[in-house]
C-alpha atoms as a PDB file:
ATOM      1  CA  MET A   1      66.958   9.935 -63.888  1.00  0.00           C
ATOM      2  CA  SER A   2      68.417   6.909 -62.479  1.00  0.00           C
ATOM      3  CA  GLU A   3      66.799   3.543 -62.269  1.00  0.00           C
ATOM      4  CA  VAL A   4      66.706   3.665 -58.648  1.00  0.00           C
ATOM      5  CA  ALA A   5      64.762   6.811 -58.912  1.00  0.00           C
ATOM      6  CA  LYS A   6      62.419   5.598 -61.048  1.00  0.00           C
ATOM      7  CA  ASP A   7      61.747   2.500 -59.663  1.00  0.00           C
ATOM      8  CA  GLU A   8      60.979   4.639 -55.786  1.00  0.00           C
ATOM      9  CA  THR A   9      58.667   7.500 -58.135  1.00  0.00           C
ATOM     10  CA  SER A  10      56.723   4.787 -59.677  1.00  0.00           C
ATOM     11  CA  GLY A  11      56.398   2.845 -56.194  1.00  0.00           C
ATOM     12  CA  MET A  12      54.549   6.095 -54.852  1.00  0.00           C
ATOM     13  CA  GLU A  13      52.492   6.800 -57.633  1.00  0.00           C
ATOM     14  CA  HIS A  14      50.957   2.613 -56.663  1.00  0.00           C
ATOM     15  CA  ALA A  15      50.683   3.569 -53.409  1.00  0.00           C
ATOM     16  CA  ALA A  16      48.925   6.729 -53.907  1.00  0.00           C
ATOM     17  CA  ASN A  17      46.201   5.297 -56.456  1.00  0.00           C
ATOM     18  CA  ALA A  18      46.017   2.330 -54.211  1.00  0.00           C
ATOM     19  CA  THR A  19      44.497   4.913 -51.419  1.00  0.00           C
ATOM     20  CA  GLY A  20      42.521   6.804 -53.784  1.00  0.00           C
ATOM     21  CA  SER A  21      41.272   3.603 -54.552  1.00  0.00           C
ATOM     22  CA  GLY A  22      40.463   1.981 -51.293  1.00  0.00           C
ATOM     23  CA  SER A  23      38.828   5.437 -49.906  1.00  0.00           C
ATOM     24  CA  LYS A  24      36.622   5.840 -53.055  1.00  0.00           C
ATOM     25  CA  GLY A  25      36.178   2.014 -52.416  1.00  0.00           C
ATOM     26  CA  LYS A  26      35.067   2.543 -48.675  1.00  0.00           C
ATOM     27  CA  ASN A  27      32.994   5.905 -49.534  1.00  0.00           C
ATOM     28  CA  GLY A  28      31.334   3.481 -52.307  1.00  0.00           C
ATOM     29  CA  HIS A  29      30.335   0.862 -49.723  1.00  0.00           C
ATOM     30  CA  CYS A  30      28.937   3.376 -46.502  1.00  0.00           C
ATOM     31  CA  ARG A  31      26.859   5.400 -49.690  1.00  0.00           C
ATOM     32  CA  ARG A  32      25.173   1.679 -50.579  1.00  0.00           C
ATOM     33  CA  PHE A  33      24.630   0.361 -47.418  1.00  0.00           C
ATOM     34  CA  TRP A  34      24.162   3.306 -45.657  1.00  0.00           C
ATOM     35  CA  TRP A  35      20.564   2.079 -44.834  1.00  0.00           C
ATOM     36  CA  VAL A  36      22.590  -1.802 -42.675  1.00  0.00           C
ATOM     37  CA  TYR A  37      23.900   0.881 -40.307  1.00  0.00           C
ATOM     38  CA  ALA A  38      20.739   2.848 -39.696  1.00  0.00           C
ATOM     39  CA  LEU A  39      18.895  -0.220 -39.183  1.00  0.00           C
ATOM     40  CA  VAL A  40      21.281  -1.222 -36.696  1.00  0.00           C
ATOM     41  CA  ILE A  41      21.220   1.927 -34.816  1.00  0.00           C
ATOM     42  CA  LEU A  42      17.859   1.206 -34.739  1.00  0.00           C
ATOM     43  CA  ILE A  43      17.549  -2.162 -33.401  1.00  0.00           C
ATOM     44  CA  ILE A  44      20.247  -1.144 -30.368  1.00  0.00           C
ATOM     45  CA  ILE A  45      17.994   2.047 -29.507  1.00  0.00           C
ATOM     46  CA  ILE A  46      14.484   0.148 -29.468  1.00  0.00           C
ATOM     47  CA  ILE A  47      16.596  -2.864 -27.394  1.00  0.00           C
ATOM     48  CA  ALA A  48      18.132   0.037 -25.144  1.00  0.00           C
ATOM     49  CA  VAL A  49      15.483   2.297 -24.447  1.00  0.00           C
ATOM     50  CA  PRO A  50      12.834  -0.518 -23.063  1.00  0.00           C
ATOM     51  CA  CYS A  51      15.857  -1.982 -20.830  1.00  0.00           C
ATOM     52  CA  VAL A  52      16.519   1.014 -19.224  1.00  0.00           C
ATOM     53  CA  LEU A  53      12.457   1.910 -18.989  1.00  0.00           C
ATOM     54  CA  LEU A  54      12.244  -2.147 -17.915  1.00  0.00           C
ATOM     55  CA  LEU A  55      14.767  -2.463 -15.667  1.00  0.00           C
ATOM     56  CA  ASP A  56      16.869   0.832 -14.883  1.00  0.00           C
ATOM     57  CA  VAL A  57      14.028   3.234 -13.811  1.00  0.00           C
ATOM     58  CA  PRO A  58      12.270   0.989 -11.700  1.00  0.00           C
ATOM     59  CA  ARG A  59      15.566   0.248  -9.814  1.00  0.00           C
ATOM     60  CA  LEU A  60      16.405   3.650  -9.094  1.00  0.00           C
ATOM     61  CA  ALA A  61      13.127   4.600  -8.124  1.00  0.00           C
ATOM     62  CA  GLN A  62      12.832   1.565  -5.745  1.00  0.00           C
ATOM     63  CA  LYS A  63      16.283   2.676  -4.630  1.00  0.00           C
ATOM     64  CA  LYS A  64      15.478   5.876  -3.627  1.00  0.00           C
ATOM     65  CA  LEU A  65      12.288   4.889  -1.995  1.00  0.00           C
ATOM     66  CA  ASN A  66      14.394   2.318   0.282  1.00  0.00           C
ATOM     67  CA  GLU A  67      16.605   5.498   0.942  1.00  0.00           C
ATOM     68  CA  ALA A  68      14.003   7.642   1.979  1.00  0.00           C
ATOM     69  CA  THR A  69      13.572   8.238   6.285  1.00  0.00           C
ATOM     70  CA  LEU A  70       9.769   7.932   7.717  1.00  0.00           C
ATOM     71  CA  THR A  71       9.755   9.851  10.720  1.00  0.00           C
ATOM     72  CA  ILE A  72       6.687   8.711  13.228  1.00  0.00           C
ATOM     73  CA  ASP A  73       5.862  12.203  15.167  1.00  0.00           C
ATOM     74  CA  GLY A  74       2.501  11.077  16.822  1.00  0.00           C
ATOM     75  CA  ILE A  75       0.407   8.488  16.842  1.00  0.00           C
ATOM     76  CA  VAL A  76      -3.441   9.203  18.719  1.00  0.00           C
ATOM     77  CA  ILE A  77      -6.127   5.889  19.682  1.00  0.00           C
ATOM     78  CA  THR A  78      -9.223   7.115  20.065  1.00  0.00           C
ATOM     79  CA  ASN A  79     -13.028   5.319  19.466  1.00  0.00           C
ATOM     80  CA  VAL A  80     -11.318   1.983  21.030  1.00  0.00           C
ATOM     81  CA  GLN A  81     -13.563  -0.966  20.481  1.00  0.00           C
ATOM     82  CA  THR A  82     -13.846  -4.852  20.765  1.00  0.00           C
ATOM     83  CA  ASN A  83     -13.355  -5.209  17.284  1.00  0.00           C
ATOM     84  CA  SER A  84     -11.573  -1.443  16.089  1.00  0.00           C
ATOM     85  CA  MET A  85     -10.311   1.497  16.930  1.00  0.00           C
ATOM     86  CA  ASN A  86      -9.406   4.958  15.481  1.00  0.00           C
ATOM     87  CA  MET A  87      -6.137   4.993  14.585  1.00  0.00           C
ATOM     88  CA  ALA A  88      -4.190   8.590  13.644  1.00  0.00           C
ATOM     89  CA  ILE A  89      -0.240   8.867  12.831  1.00  0.00           C
ATOM     90  CA  ASN A  90       1.468  11.876  12.062  1.00  0.00           C
ATOM     91  CA  SER A  91       4.310  11.173  10.128  1.00  0.00           C
ATOM     92  CA  THR A  92       7.267  12.787   8.016  1.00  0.00           C
ATOM     93  CA  ILE A  93       9.186  11.019   5.110  1.00  0.00           C
ATOM     94  CA  THR A  94      12.553  12.509   3.875  1.00  0.00           C
ATOM     95  CA  SER A  95      14.726  12.203   0.595  1.00  0.00           C
ATOM     96  CA  ASP A  96      17.259  13.900  -1.009  1.00  0.00           C
ATOM     97  CA  GLY A  97      14.299  14.898  -3.569  1.00  0.00           C
ATOM     98  CA  SER A  98      16.198  14.773  -6.789  1.00  0.00           C
ATOM     99  CA  THR A  99      14.013  12.037  -8.280  1.00  0.00           C
ATOM    100  CA  HIS A 100      10.711  13.840  -9.355  1.00  0.00           C
ATOM    101  CA  ALA A 101       7.820  11.341  -8.980  1.00  0.00           C
ATOM    102  CA  THR A 102       4.605  10.029  -7.481  1.00  0.00           C
ATOM    103  CA  ILE A 103       3.531   7.340  -5.098  1.00  0.00           C
ATOM    104  CA  ASP A 104       0.168   5.971  -5.587  1.00  0.00           C
ATOM    105  CA  GLY A 105      -1.619   5.153  -1.870  1.00  0.00           C
ATOM    106  CA  PHE A 106      -1.423   1.787  -0.744  1.00  0.00           C
ATOM    107  CA  GLU A 107      -2.295  -0.522   2.291  1.00  0.00           C
ATOM    108  CA  GLY A 108       0.294  -0.293   4.797  1.00  0.00           C
ATOM    109  CA  THR A 109       0.511  -3.324   7.423  1.00  0.00           C
ATOM    110  CA  LEU A 110       1.940  -2.832  10.816  1.00  0.00           C
ATOM    111  CA  TYR A 111       4.287  -5.291  12.177  1.00  0.00           C
ATOM    112  CA  LEU A 112       6.209  -5.967  15.557  1.00  0.00           C
ATOM    113  CA  ALA A 113       9.708  -6.485  14.049  1.00  0.00           C
ATOM    114  CA  ASP A 114      11.000  -7.068  17.774  1.00  0.00           C
ATOM    115  CA  VAL A 115       9.762 -10.956  17.539  1.00  0.00           C
ATOM    116  CA  ASN A 116      10.848 -13.419  14.257  1.00  0.00           C
ATOM    117  CA  PRO A 117       8.938 -13.553  12.451  1.00  0.00           C
ATOM    118  CA  PRO A 118       7.789 -10.150  12.502  1.00  0.00           C
ATOM    119  CA  LEU A 119       4.163 -10.380  13.578  1.00  0.00           C
ATOM    120  CA  ALA A 120       1.543  -8.624  11.474  1.00  0.00           C
ATOM    121  CA  PHE A 121      -0.913  -6.110  14.106  1.00  0.00           C
ATOM    122  CA  ALA A 122      -2.777  -3.713  12.137  1.00  0.00           C
ATOM    123  CA  LYS A 123      -3.212  -2.300   8.270  1.00  0.00           C
ATOM    124  CA  ILE A 124      -3.717   1.492   7.697  1.00  0.00           C
ATOM    125  CA  ASN A 125      -4.028   3.236   4.005  1.00  0.00           C
ATOM    126  CA  PHE A 126      -1.569   5.307   3.127  1.00  0.00           C
ATOM    127  CA  PRO A 127      -2.384   8.076   1.196  1.00  0.00           C
ATOM    128  CA  GLU A 128      -0.162   9.399  -2.304  1.00  0.00           C
ATOM    129  CA  THR A 129       2.465  10.932  -1.900  1.00  0.00           C
ATOM    130  CA  THR A 130       5.419  12.757  -3.835  1.00  0.00           C
ATOM    131  CA  SER A 131       9.402  12.555  -3.834  1.00  0.00           C
ATOM    132  CA  GLU A 132       9.954  16.076  -2.037  1.00  0.00           C
ATOM    133  CA  ALA A 133      12.572  16.457  -0.184  1.00  0.00           C
ATOM    134  CA  LEU A 134       9.914  16.117   2.999  1.00  0.00           C
ATOM    135  CA  GLN A 135       6.659  14.907   2.681  1.00  0.00           C
ATOM    136  CA  THR A 136       4.234  15.533   5.560  1.00  0.00           C
ATOM    137  CA  VAL A 137       1.643  12.264   5.326  1.00  0.00           C
ATOM    138  CA  ASN A 138      -1.220  12.244   7.993  1.00  0.00           C
ATOM    139  CA  ILE A 139      -3.439   9.598   8.626  1.00  0.00           C
ATOM    140  CA  SER A 140      -6.771   9.237  10.119  1.00  0.00           C
ATOM    141  CA  GLN A 141      -9.091   5.789   9.859  1.00  0.00           C
ATOM    142  CA  GLU A 142     -10.645   3.496  11.522  1.00  0.00           C
ATOM    143  CA  VAL A 143      -9.002   0.269  11.968  1.00  0.00           C
ATOM    144  CA  PRO A 144     -10.535  -3.437  12.301  1.00  0.00           C
ATOM    145  CA  ILE A 145      -8.836  -5.810  14.845  1.00  0.00           C
ATOM    146  CA  PHE A 146      -7.899  -9.008  12.745  1.00  0.00           C
ATOM    147  CA  ASP A 147      -5.693 -10.576  14.741  1.00  0.00           C
ATOM    148  CA  LEU A 148      -6.386  -9.644  18.253  1.00  0.00           C
ATOM    149  CA  HIS A 149      -3.404 -12.334  19.711  1.00  0.00           C
ATOM    150  CA  ALA A 150      -0.733  -9.941  17.313  1.00  0.00           C
ATOM    151  CA  LEU A 151      -2.142  -6.417  18.612  1.00  0.00           C
ATOM    152  CA  THR A 152      -1.619  -8.083  22.233  1.00  0.00           C
ATOM    153  CA  THR A 153       1.281  -8.905  22.023  1.00  0.00           C
ATOM    154  CA  PHE A 154       2.387  -5.623  20.538  1.00  0.00           C
ATOM    155  CA  ASN A 155       0.775  -3.966  23.321  1.00  0.00           C
ATOM    156  CA  GLU A 156       2.451  -5.825  25.644  1.00  0.00           C
ATOM    157  CA  HIS A 157       5.802  -4.623  23.776  1.00  0.00           C
ATOM    158  CA  LEU A 158       4.927  -0.894  23.734  1.00  0.00           C
ATOM    159  CA  ILE A 159       3.348  -0.626  27.579  1.00  0.00           C
ATOM    160  CA  GLN A 160       6.838  -3.213  29.236  1.00  0.00           C
ATOM    161  CA  ARG A 161       9.494  -1.748  26.737  1.00  0.00           C
ATOM    162  CA  GLU A 162      11.804   1.322  26.862  1.00  0.00           C
ATOM    163  CA  SER A 163      11.283   1.186  22.622  1.00  0.00           C
ATOM    164  CA  VAL A 164       9.672  -1.446  19.905  1.00  0.00           C
ATOM    165  CA  GLN A 165      10.486  -1.984  16.456  1.00  0.00           C
ATOM    166  CA  VAL A 166       7.669  -1.093  14.078  1.00  0.00           C
ATOM    167  CA  GLN A 167       7.711  -2.405  10.012  1.00  0.00           C
ATOM    168  CA  VAL A 168       5.507  -0.380   7.992  1.00  0.00           C
ATOM    169  CA  LYS A 169       5.177  -2.602   4.703  1.00  0.00           C
ATOM    170  CA  GLY A 170       3.176  -2.367   1.475  1.00  0.00           C
ATOM    171  CA  ASP A 171       2.778  -2.619  -2.116  1.00  0.00           C
ATOM    172  CA  THR A 172       3.132   0.514  -4.378  1.00  0.00           C
ATOM    173  CA  TYR A 173       2.689   2.044  -7.534  1.00  0.00           C
ATOM    174  CA  ILE A 174       5.662   4.625  -8.893  1.00  0.00           C
ATOM    175  CA  HIS A 175       4.885   7.661 -11.466  1.00  0.00           C
ATOM    176  CA  VAL A 176       8.273   8.955 -12.807  1.00  0.00           C
ATOM    177  CA  LYS A 177       7.454  12.411 -14.083  1.00  0.00           C
ATOM    178  CA  GLY A 178       8.247  12.603 -17.874  1.00  0.00           C
ATOM    179  CA  ILE A 179       7.172   8.484 -18.518  1.00  0.00           C
ATOM    180  CA  SER A 180       3.256   7.310 -18.340  1.00  0.00           C
ATOM    181  CA  ARG A 181       4.560   3.900 -17.508  1.00  0.00           C
ATOM    182  CA  ALA A 182       3.892   3.299 -13.771  1.00  0.00           C
ATOM    183  CA  TYR A 183       6.274   0.736 -11.849  1.00  0.00           C
ATOM    184  CA  PRO A 184       5.585  -1.661  -9.031  1.00  0.00           C
ATOM    185  CA  ALA A 185       7.706  -0.771  -5.743  1.00  0.00           C
ATOM    186  CA  THR A 186       7.890  -2.014  -2.290  1.00  0.00           C
ATOM    187  CA  PHE A 187       7.316   0.066   0.440  1.00  0.00           C
ATOM    188  CA  ASP A 188       9.578  -0.690   3.639  1.00  0.00           C
ATOM    189  CA  LYS A 189      10.656   1.039   6.902  1.00  0.00           C
ATOM    190  CA  THR A 190      11.354  -0.054  10.212  1.00  0.00           C
ATOM    191  CA  VAL A 191      10.889   2.922  12.849  1.00  0.00           C
ATOM    192  CA  SER A 192      11.666   2.743  16.510  1.00  0.00           C
ATOM    193  CA  LEU A 193       8.956   3.873  18.939  1.00  0.00           C
ATOM    194  CA  VAL A 194       9.470   4.981  22.396  1.00  0.00           C
ATOM    195  CA  GLY A 195       7.807   2.587  24.706  1.00  0.00           C
ATOM    196  CA  LEU A 196       5.671   3.215  27.839  1.00  0.00           C
ATOM    197  CA  ASN A 197       8.833   1.506  30.080  1.00  0.00           C
ATOM    198  CA  GLY A 198       6.872  -0.619  32.354  1.00  0.00           C
ATOM    199  CA  PHE A 199       4.787   2.438  33.463  1.00  0.00           C
ATOM    200  CA  LYS A 200       8.256   3.645  35.080  1.00  0.00           C
ATOM    201  CA  GLY A 201       8.037   6.511  37.627  1.00  0.00           C
ATOM    202  CA  LEU A 202       4.249   5.889  38.273  1.00  0.00           C
ATOM    203  CA  SER A 203       3.015   7.336  41.631  1.00  0.00           C
ATOM    204  CA  VAL A 204       0.298   7.604  43.966  1.00  0.00           C
ATOM    205  CA  THR A 205      -0.396  10.707  46.378  1.00  0.00           C
ATOM    206  CA  ASN A 206      -3.310  12.302  48.700  1.00  0.00           C
ATOM    207  CA  PRO A 207      -4.792   8.782  49.303  1.00  0.00           C
ATOM    208  CA  HIS A 208      -7.831   8.661  51.506  1.00  0.00           C
ATOM    209  CA  VAL A 209      -9.186   5.645  53.456  1.00  0.00           C
ATOM    210  CA  ARG A 210     -12.981   5.413  54.688  1.00  0.00           C
ATOM    211  CA  ILE A 211     -14.597   2.551  56.793  1.00  0.00           C
ATOM    212  CA  ALA A 212     -16.650   0.993  54.215  1.00  0.00           C
ATOM    213  CA  SER A 213     -16.677  -3.039  52.739  1.00  0.00           C
ATOM    214  CA  THR A 214     -16.530  -1.406  49.064  1.00  0.00           C
ATOM    215  CA  ASN A 215     -14.625   1.759  47.688  1.00  0.00           C
ATOM    216  CA  ASN A 216     -13.047   2.408  50.861  1.00  0.00           C
ATOM    217  CA  PHE A 217      -9.393   3.885  49.138  1.00  0.00           C
ATOM    218  CA  ASN A 218      -9.167   7.079  46.469  1.00  0.00           C
ATOM    219  CA  ALA A 219      -6.170   8.975  45.838  1.00  0.00           C
ATOM    220  CA  THR A 220      -4.123  10.210  42.628  1.00  0.00           C
ATOM    221  CA  ALA A 221      -2.700   8.295  40.164  1.00  0.00           C
ATOM    222  CA  HIS A 222       0.539   9.780  38.348  1.00  0.00           C
ATOM    223  CA  ILE A 223       1.519   8.133  35.603  1.00  0.00           C
ATOM    224  CA  PRO A 224       4.225   9.383  32.976  1.00  0.00           C
ATOM    225  CA  ASN A 225       4.226   8.786  29.490  1.00  0.00           C
ATOM    226  CA  PRO A 226       7.691   9.254  27.536  1.00  0.00           C
ATOM    227  CA  SER A 227       6.128   7.652  23.913  1.00  0.00           C
ATOM    228  CA  VAL A 228       4.945  10.265  21.191  1.00  0.00           C
ATOM    229  CA  LEU A 229       1.280   7.999  21.704  1.00  0.00           C
ATOM    230  CA  THR A 230      -1.921   9.305  23.310  1.00  0.00           C
ATOM    231  CA  LEU A 231      -4.133   6.027  23.892  1.00  0.00           C
ATOM    232  CA  GLU A 232      -7.838   5.961  24.935  1.00  0.00           C
ATOM    233  CA  ILE A 233      -7.833   2.880  27.328  1.00  0.00           C
ATOM    234  CA  GLY A 234     -11.441   3.579  29.252  1.00  0.00           C
ATOM    235  CA  ASN A 235     -12.208   1.932  32.520  1.00  0.00           C
ATOM    236  CA  ALA A 236      -9.124   0.297  33.655  1.00  0.00           C
ATOM    237  CA  THR A 237      -9.428  -1.913  36.488  1.00  0.00           C
ATOM    238  CA  PHE A 238      -6.047  -3.426  38.127  1.00  0.00           C
ATOM    239  CA  ASN A 239      -5.827  -6.941  40.502  1.00  0.00           C
ATOM    240  CA  THR A 240      -4.337  -5.136  43.951  1.00  0.00           C
ATOM    241  CA  TYR A 241      -0.961  -6.922  45.563  1.00  0.00           C
ATOM    242  CA  PHE A 242      -0.068  -6.465  49.034  1.00  0.00           C
ATOM    243  CA  ASN A 243       2.866  -8.935  50.034  1.00  0.00           C
ATOM    244  CA  GLY A 244       2.214 -11.593  47.135  1.00  0.00           C
ATOM    245  CA  THR A 245      -1.598 -11.423  48.215  1.00  0.00           C
ATOM    246  CA  ASN A 246      -4.457 -10.072  46.262  1.00  0.00           C
ATOM    247  CA  VAL A 247      -6.125  -7.414  48.732  1.00  0.00           C
ATOM    248  CA  GLY A 248      -8.523  -6.027  46.169  1.00  0.00           C
ATOM    249  CA  ILE A 249      -9.264  -3.865  42.944  1.00  0.00           C
ATOM    250  CA  SER A 250      -8.289  -0.972  41.722  1.00  0.00           C
ATOM    251  CA  ASN A 251     -10.008   1.244  39.260  1.00  0.00           C
ATOM    252  CA  ILE A 252      -9.127   4.291  36.630  1.00  0.00           C
ATOM    253  CA  PRO A 253     -12.029   5.687  35.035  1.00  0.00           C
ATOM    254  CA  ASN A 254     -12.205   6.872  31.851  1.00  0.00           C
ATOM    255  CA  MET A 255      -8.123   6.701  31.603  1.00  0.00           C
ATOM    256  CA  VAL A 256      -6.610   8.843  28.531  1.00  0.00           C
ATOM    257  CA  LEU A 257      -3.077   8.632  28.455  1.00  0.00           C
ATOM    258  CA  HIS A 258      -1.366  11.386  26.895  1.00  0.00           C
ATOM    259  CA  PRO A 259       2.136  11.811  25.958  1.00  0.00           C
ATOM    260  CA  GLY A 260       4.593  14.014  28.594  1.00  0.00           C
ATOM    261  CA  GLU A 261       4.326  13.739  32.709  1.00  0.00           C
ATOM    262  CA  ALA A 262       0.736  15.384  32.872  1.00  0.00           C
ATOM    263  CA  ASN A 263      -1.470  12.254  33.556  1.00  0.00           C
ATOM    264  CA  ASP A 264      -3.422  12.612  36.668  1.00  0.00           C
ATOM    265  CA  PHE A 265      -6.021  10.036  37.294  1.00  0.00           C
ATOM    266  CA  PHE A 266      -8.532   9.465  40.076  1.00  0.00           C
ATOM    267  CA  ILE A 267      -7.907   6.244  41.527  1.00  0.00           C
ATOM    268  CA  TRP A 268     -10.268   4.399  43.757  1.00  0.00           C
ATOM    269  CA  ALA A 269     -10.460   0.675  45.151  1.00  0.00           C
ATOM    270  CA  THR A 270     -11.840  -1.865  47.113  1.00  0.00           C
ATOM    271  CA  VAL A 271      -9.217  -3.720  49.620  1.00  0.00           C
ATOM    272  CA  ASP A 272      -8.803  -5.768  52.556  1.00  0.00           C
ATOM    273  CA  GLN A 273      -8.626  -3.009  55.399  1.00  0.00           C
ATOM    274  CA  MET A 274      -7.569  -6.022  58.572  1.00  0.00           C
ATOM    275  CA  THR A 275      -4.455  -6.930  55.945  1.00  0.00           C
ATOM    276  CA  ILE A 276      -3.354  -3.030  55.478  1.00  0.00           C
ATOM    277  CA  VAL A 277      -4.205  -2.384  59.468  1.00  0.00           C
ATOM    278  CA  ASN A 278      -2.682  -5.937  60.828  1.00  0.00           C
ATOM    279  CA  ALA A 279       0.370  -4.234  57.917  1.00  0.00           C
ATOM    280  CA  LEU A 280       0.705  -0.941  59.376  1.00  0.00           C
ATOM    281  CA  THR A 281       1.181  -2.294  62.956  1.00  0.00           C
ATOM    282  CA  HIS A 282       2.807  -5.126  62.731  1.00  0.00           C
ATOM    283  CA  ARG A 283       6.952  -5.565  61.307  1.00  0.00           C
ATOM    284  CA  PRO A 284       8.537  -5.202  59.122  1.00  0.00           C
ATOM    285  CA  TRP A 285       5.751  -2.991  57.837  1.00  0.00           C
ATOM    286  CA  CYS A 286       5.171  -0.970  60.276  1.00  0.00           C
ATOM    287  CA  GLU A 287       8.583   0.339  60.668  1.00  0.00           C
ATOM    288  CA  GLN A 288       8.417   1.498  56.977  1.00  0.00           C
ATOM    289  CA  ASN A 289       6.551   5.283  58.554  1.00  0.00           C
ATOM    290  CA  GLY A 290       2.864   3.708  56.945  1.00  0.00           C
ATOM    291  CA  THR A 291       4.379   3.624  53.481  1.00  0.00           C
ATOM    292  CA  LEU A 292       3.719   0.292  51.877  1.00  0.00           C
ATOM    293  CA  THR A 293       4.537  -1.405  48.561  1.00  0.00           C
ATOM    294  CA  PHE A 294       1.682  -2.361  46.440  1.00  0.00           C
ATOM    295  CA  GLU A 295       1.694  -4.196  43.199  1.00  0.00           C
ATOM    296  CA  LEU A 296      -0.783  -3.393  40.181  1.00  0.00           C
ATOM    297  CA  ALA A 297      -1.745  -5.819  37.381  1.00  0.00           C
ATOM    298  CA  GLY A 298      -4.193  -5.121  34.755  1.00  0.00           C
ATOM    299  CA  ASN A 299      -7.260  -6.988  35.647  1.00  0.00           C
ATOM    300  CA  ASN A 300      -9.850  -6.122  32.376  1.00  0.00           C
ATOM    301  CA  VAL A 301     -10.432  -2.208  30.530  1.00  0.00           C
ATOM    302  CA  THR A 302     -14.317  -1.484  29.055  1.00  0.00           C
ATOM    303  CA  ASN A 303     -14.705   1.449  26.983  1.00  0.00           C
ATOM    304  CA  ARG A 304     -18.449   2.830  25.839  1.00  0.00           C
ATOM    305  CA  GLY A 305     -19.199  -0.442  27.568  1.00  0.00           C
ATOM    306  CA  GLN A 306     -17.538  -2.963  25.321  1.00  0.00           C
ATOM    307  CA  PRO A 307     -14.153  -5.050  26.734  1.00  0.00           C
ATOM    308  CA  ILE A 308     -11.331  -3.926  25.332  1.00  0.00           C
ATOM    309  CA  PRO A 309      -9.154  -7.428  25.689  1.00  0.00           C
ATOM    310  CA  TYR A 310      -6.238  -6.376  23.846  1.00  0.00           C
ATOM    311  CA  LEU A 311      -5.108  -3.296  25.962  1.00  0.00           C
ATOM    312  CA  GLY A 312      -6.543  -5.305  29.182  1.00  0.00           C
ATOM    313  CA  ASP A 313      -4.493  -8.992  28.968  1.00  0.00           C
ATOM    314  CA  ALA A 314      -1.888  -6.294  28.026  1.00  0.00           C
ATOM    315  CA  LEU A 315      -1.923  -4.947  31.258  1.00  0.00           C
ATOM    316  CA  ALA A 316      -2.375  -7.938  33.000  1.00  0.00           C
ATOM    317  CA  ALA A 317       0.535  -9.162  31.208  1.00  0.00           C
ATOM    318  CA  SER A 318       3.495  -7.233  33.880  1.00  0.00           C
ATOM    319  CA  ASN A 319       3.087  -5.561  37.030  1.00  0.00           C
ATOM    320  CA  GLN A 320       3.715  -2.403  38.583  1.00  0.00           C
ATOM    321  CA  THR A 321       4.993  -1.563  41.496  1.00  0.00           C
ATOM    322  CA  VAL A 322       4.043   1.760  43.808  1.00  0.00           C
ATOM    323  CA  ASP A 323       4.768   3.110  47.302  1.00  0.00           C
ATOM    324  CA  ILE A 324       1.625   4.432  49.301  1.00  0.00           C
ATOM    325  CA  ALA A 325       1.994   6.583  52.295  1.00  0.00           C
ATOM    326  CA  ILE A 326      -1.323   4.539  53.526  1.00  0.00           C
ATOM    327  CA  GLY A 327      -0.572   5.004  57.184  1.00  0.00           C
ATOM    328  CA  GLU A 328      -0.739   8.723  56.957  1.00  0.00           C
ATOM    329  CA  ALA A 329      -4.439   8.443  55.311  1.00  0.00           C
ATOM    330  CA  ALA A 330      -5.429   5.739  58.052  1.00  0.00           C
ATOM    331  CA  LYS A 331      -3.914   8.470  60.550  1.00  0.00           C
ATOM    332  CA  SER A 332      -5.506  11.568  59.189  1.00  0.00           C
ATOM    333  CA  ASP A 333      -8.836   9.909  57.908  1.00  0.00           C
ATOM    334  CA  LEU A 334      -9.955   7.528  60.450  1.00  0.00           C
ATOM    335  CA  GLY A 335      -7.447   8.606  63.707  1.00  0.00           C
ATOM    336  CA  LEU A 336      -5.446   5.349  63.321  1.00  0.00           C
ATOM    337  CA  PRO A 337      -2.213   5.275  65.198  1.00  0.00           C
ATOM    338  CA  ILE A 338       0.564   4.504  63.130  1.00  0.00           C
ATOM    339  CA  GLY A 339       3.291   2.363  63.932  1.00  0.00           C
ATOM    340  CA  CYS A 340       3.996  -1.020  65.573  1.00  0.00           C
ATOM    341  CA  SER A 341       2.553  -2.381  67.815  1.00  0.00           C
ATOM    342  CA  ASN A 342       4.918  -5.081  69.093  1.00  0.00           C
END
């Protein structure tokens, strides 16, 4: 064998010996220090798991709560008193249902979100709920009046506007299935409620008059309600204006407003009859076939013998205009002629 071949063979043997020695060294190192690797892995687990539980899980739970949708299906206000009222809310909460969790009951504050900053006007207690894809949440409870100005302002917006934005906010805890720890979370939803739109569509029909100093007018008032709100108002009185002049007081007793068109109320009034007769017989009003335009503005509201300022003042904040065929009533009830005298 040549010297070159011997050198190559020797080099290969040396490399093989070196490789074998390295593998044996590494294996020996792992056998001697396995506990170090195990300790490192254990430390990583000890650090990572609490981070997941303390950071990722609550963040995910809050995210899912934020993505849920709150829908108000109906609100019923009854037992209206000076310092409290009963509020029943029928609502649904929808989510993707992918997270199995329970949300603790909590006190939620209702804010009028159409003003800046939002104005807190009521507090209600929400029951415990789950993260099911469709969750029905029905509430009925007595609600104390804690801020008269805020509640009155909300009612003004509700009465005058086509819609109002209501924010529902409260702090609670989420229990994720399989984890014993409860995570703090904030329920914060803003919903749009249809308003009463200034009682648009208000009409007064079937009017009757009589010669008397009091209670000399009555009719049927039709008040549409496009909202989901059922509202027990009570006994409502309205200042009654004609041509910018206060001509009397109108009254609607035992007023309860229901959703929809079927809201007909008996209305009676004490009005200045001479002002009305003069209008029916003098231009330009006598040219309107006996129909006069009146404005109604809230005067006060009482219920169960108690004043209800958060409704009375809200009704007083705006006027409602209505045409009344009072000339026909004067002709049929009193025999007075309709038409211009000059």
